Amino acid sequence: MNDDLFTASQVAQLTLIVKEAVREEMADGGLRLDGDHLDQAREDFRFLRKLRSGVDGIASKVGWVVIAAVLGGITWIVQLGLSAWKALP
């Protein structure tokens, strides 16, 4: 296969075209990537990542509480059954 399909200037032009197209599509989606907006977008994504991590942590802890409650309920029922069985004549 021939590696010289594009010249260096053509690669530079394609890179510029792709970057501009991506910026336009991001802007159409409400994400501006020019000037100070780029830093703000990065901070927004960092905030979303922290929020997601926090929610995942809370969900994990709630899951463990539910599991502990179910196991505690099963233990309680077994204990009641054993106490009732001991009370039989």
C-alpha atoms as a PDB file:
ATOM      1  CA  MET A   1       0.000   0.000   0.000  1.00  0.00           C
ATOM      2  CA  ASN A   2       1.297   3.449  -0.827  1.00  0.00           C
ATOM      3  CA  ASP A   3       1.883   5.636   2.257  1.00  0.00           C
ATOM      4  CA  ASP A   4       2.234   8.802   0.177  1.00  0.00           C
ATOM      5  CA  LEU A   5      -1.466   9.237  -0.602  1.00  0.00           C
ATOM      6  CA  PHE A   6      -1.493  12.818   0.694  1.00  0.00           C
ATOM      7  CA  THR A   7       1.117  15.508   0.718  1.00  0.00           C
ATOM      8  CA  ALA A   8       1.969  17.373   3.910  1.00  0.00           C
ATOM      9  CA  SER A   9      -0.021  20.412   2.794  1.00  0.00           C
ATOM     10  CA  GLN A  10      -3.054  18.258   2.010  1.00  0.00           C
ATOM     11  CA  VAL A  11      -2.853  16.635   5.459  1.00  0.00           C
ATOM     12  CA  ALA A  12      -2.664  20.093   7.046  1.00  0.00           C
ATOM     13  CA  GLN A  13      -5.701  21.227   5.046  1.00  0.00           C
ATOM     14  CA  LEU A  14      -7.678  18.115   5.988  1.00  0.00           C
ATOM     15  CA  THR A  15      -6.768  18.585   9.640  1.00  0.00           C
ATOM     16  CA  LEU A  16      -7.947  22.196   9.529  1.00  0.00           C
ATOM     17  CA  ILE A  17     -11.199  21.212   7.799  1.00  0.00           C
ATOM     18  CA  VAL A  18     -11.934  18.449  10.310  1.00  0.00           C
ATOM     19  CA  LYS A  19     -11.179  20.700  13.297  1.00  0.00           C
ATOM     20  CA  GLU A  20     -13.473  23.410  11.954  1.00  0.00           C
ATOM     21  CA  ALA A  21     -16.255  20.905  11.234  1.00  0.00           C
ATOM     22  CA  VAL A  22     -16.014  19.456  14.753  1.00  0.00           C
ATOM     23  CA  ARG A  23     -16.100  22.942  16.297  1.00  0.00           C
ATOM     24  CA  GLU A  24     -19.173  23.867  14.237  1.00  0.00           C
ATOM     25  CA  GLU A  25     -21.007  20.686  15.220  1.00  0.00           C
ATOM     26  CA  MET A  26     -20.122  21.136  18.887  1.00  0.00           C
ATOM     27  CA  ALA A  27     -21.345  24.741  18.712  1.00  0.00           C
ATOM     28  CA  ASP A  28     -24.600  23.531  17.141  1.00  0.00           C
ATOM     29  CA  GLY A  29     -24.958  21.187  20.097  1.00  0.00           C
ATOM     30  CA  GLY A  30     -24.454  24.056  22.535  1.00  0.00           C
ATOM     31  CA  LEU A  31     -20.785  23.478  23.384  1.00  0.00           C
ATOM     32  CA  ARG A  32     -18.594  26.405  22.428  1.00  0.00           C
ATOM     33  CA  LEU A  33     -14.904  25.608  22.136  1.00  0.00           C
ATOM     34  CA  ASP A  34     -13.394  29.017  21.460  1.00  0.00           C
ATOM     35  CA  GLY A  35     -11.524  31.309  23.829  1.00  0.00           C
ATOM     36  CA  ASP A  36     -12.599  31.219  27.471  1.00  0.00           C
ATOM     37  CA  HIS A  37     -15.469  28.862  26.671  1.00  0.00           C
ATOM     38  CA  LEU A  38     -13.054  25.939  26.327  1.00  0.00           C
ATOM     39  CA  ASP A  39     -11.886  26.278  29.945  1.00  0.00           C
ATOM     40  CA  GLN A  40     -15.483  26.587  31.135  1.00  0.00           C
ATOM     41  CA  ALA A  41     -16.463  23.465  29.189  1.00  0.00           C
ATOM     42  CA  ARG A  42     -13.589  21.550  30.798  1.00  0.00           C
ATOM     43  CA  GLU A  43     -14.705  22.649  34.256  1.00  0.00           C
ATOM     44  CA  ASP A  44     -18.288  21.622  33.449  1.00  0.00           C
ATOM     45  CA  PHE A  45     -17.122  18.151  32.449  1.00  0.00           C
ATOM     46  CA  ARG A  46     -14.998  17.885  35.610  1.00  0.00           C
ATOM     47  CA  PHE A  47     -18.044  18.820  37.679  1.00  0.00           C
ATOM     48  CA  LEU A  48     -20.169  16.219  35.902  1.00  0.00           C
ATOM     49  CA  ARG A  49     -17.502  13.558  36.500  1.00  0.00           C
ATOM     50  CA  LYS A  50     -17.374  14.405  40.225  1.00  0.00           C
ATOM     51  CA  LEU A  51     -21.175  14.361  40.400  1.00  0.00           C
ATOM     52  CA  ARG A  52     -21.344  10.982  38.689  1.00  0.00           C
ATOM     53  CA  SER A  53     -18.674   9.540  40.976  1.00  0.00           C
ATOM     54  CA  GLY A  54     -20.531  10.829  44.030  1.00  0.00           C
ATOM     55  CA  VAL A  55     -23.842   9.400  42.878  1.00  0.00           C
ATOM     56  CA  ASP A  56     -22.209   6.055  42.121  1.00  0.00           C
ATOM     57  CA  GLY A  57     -20.706   6.012  45.623  1.00  0.00           C
ATOM     58  CA  ILE A  58     -24.051   6.798  47.230  1.00  0.00           C
ATOM     59  CA  ALA A  59     -25.791   4.144  45.151  1.00  0.00           C
ATOM     60  CA  SER A  60     -23.212   1.591  46.248  1.00  0.00           C
ATOM     61  CA  LYS A  61     -23.704   2.468  49.915  1.00  0.00           C
ATOM     62  CA  VAL A  62     -27.499   2.300  49.591  1.00  0.00           C
ATOM     63  CA  GLY A  63     -27.126  -1.101  47.938  1.00  0.00           C
ATOM     64  CA  TRP A  64     -25.082  -2.392  50.864  1.00  0.00           C
ATOM     65  CA  VAL A  65     -27.659  -1.040  53.332  1.00  0.00           C
ATOM     66  CA  VAL A  66     -30.440  -2.877  51.468  1.00  0.00           C
ATOM     67  CA  ILE A  67     -28.428  -6.111  51.472  1.00  0.00           C
ATOM     68  CA  ALA A  68     -27.709  -5.732  55.203  1.00  0.00           C
ATOM     69  CA  ALA A  69     -31.401  -5.067  55.909  1.00  0.00           C
ATOM     70  CA  VAL A  70     -32.475  -8.175  53.989  1.00  0.00           C
ATOM     71  CA  LEU A  71     -29.906 -10.338  55.767  1.00  0.00           C
ATOM     72  CA  GLY A  72     -30.949  -8.857  59.123  1.00  0.00           C
ATOM     73  CA  GLY A  73     -34.592  -9.611  58.338  1.00  0.00           C
ATOM     74  CA  ILE A  74     -33.793 -13.199  57.412  1.00  0.00           C
ATOM     75  CA  THR A  75     -31.763 -13.614  60.617  1.00  0.00           C
ATOM     76  CA  TRP A  76     -34.612 -12.158  62.670  1.00  0.00           C
ATOM     77  CA  ILE A  77     -37.150 -14.533  61.073  1.00  0.00           C
ATOM     78  CA  VAL A  78     -34.891 -17.531  61.707  1.00  0.00           C
ATOM     79  CA  GLN A  79     -34.428 -16.460  65.336  1.00  0.00           C
ATOM     80  CA  LEU A  80     -38.203 -16.095  65.810  1.00  0.00           C
ATOM     81  CA  GLY A  81     -38.690 -19.552  64.328  1.00  0.00           C
ATOM     82  CA  LEU A  82     -36.109 -21.085  66.635  1.00  0.00           C
ATOM     83  CA  SER A  83     -37.629 -19.330  69.659  1.00  0.00           C
ATOM     84  CA  ALA A  84     -41.109 -20.608  68.722  1.00  0.00           C
ATOM     85  CA  TRP A  85     -39.718 -24.116  68.200  1.00  0.00           C
ATOM     86  CA  LYS A  86     -38.046 -24.084  71.626  1.00  0.00           C
ATOM     87  CA  ALA A  87     -41.306 -22.964  73.253  1.00  0.00           C
ATOM     88  CA  LEU A  88     -43.204 -26.048  71.985  1.00  0.00           C
ATOM     89  CA  PRO A  89     -43.873 -28.731  74.650  1.00  0.00           C
END
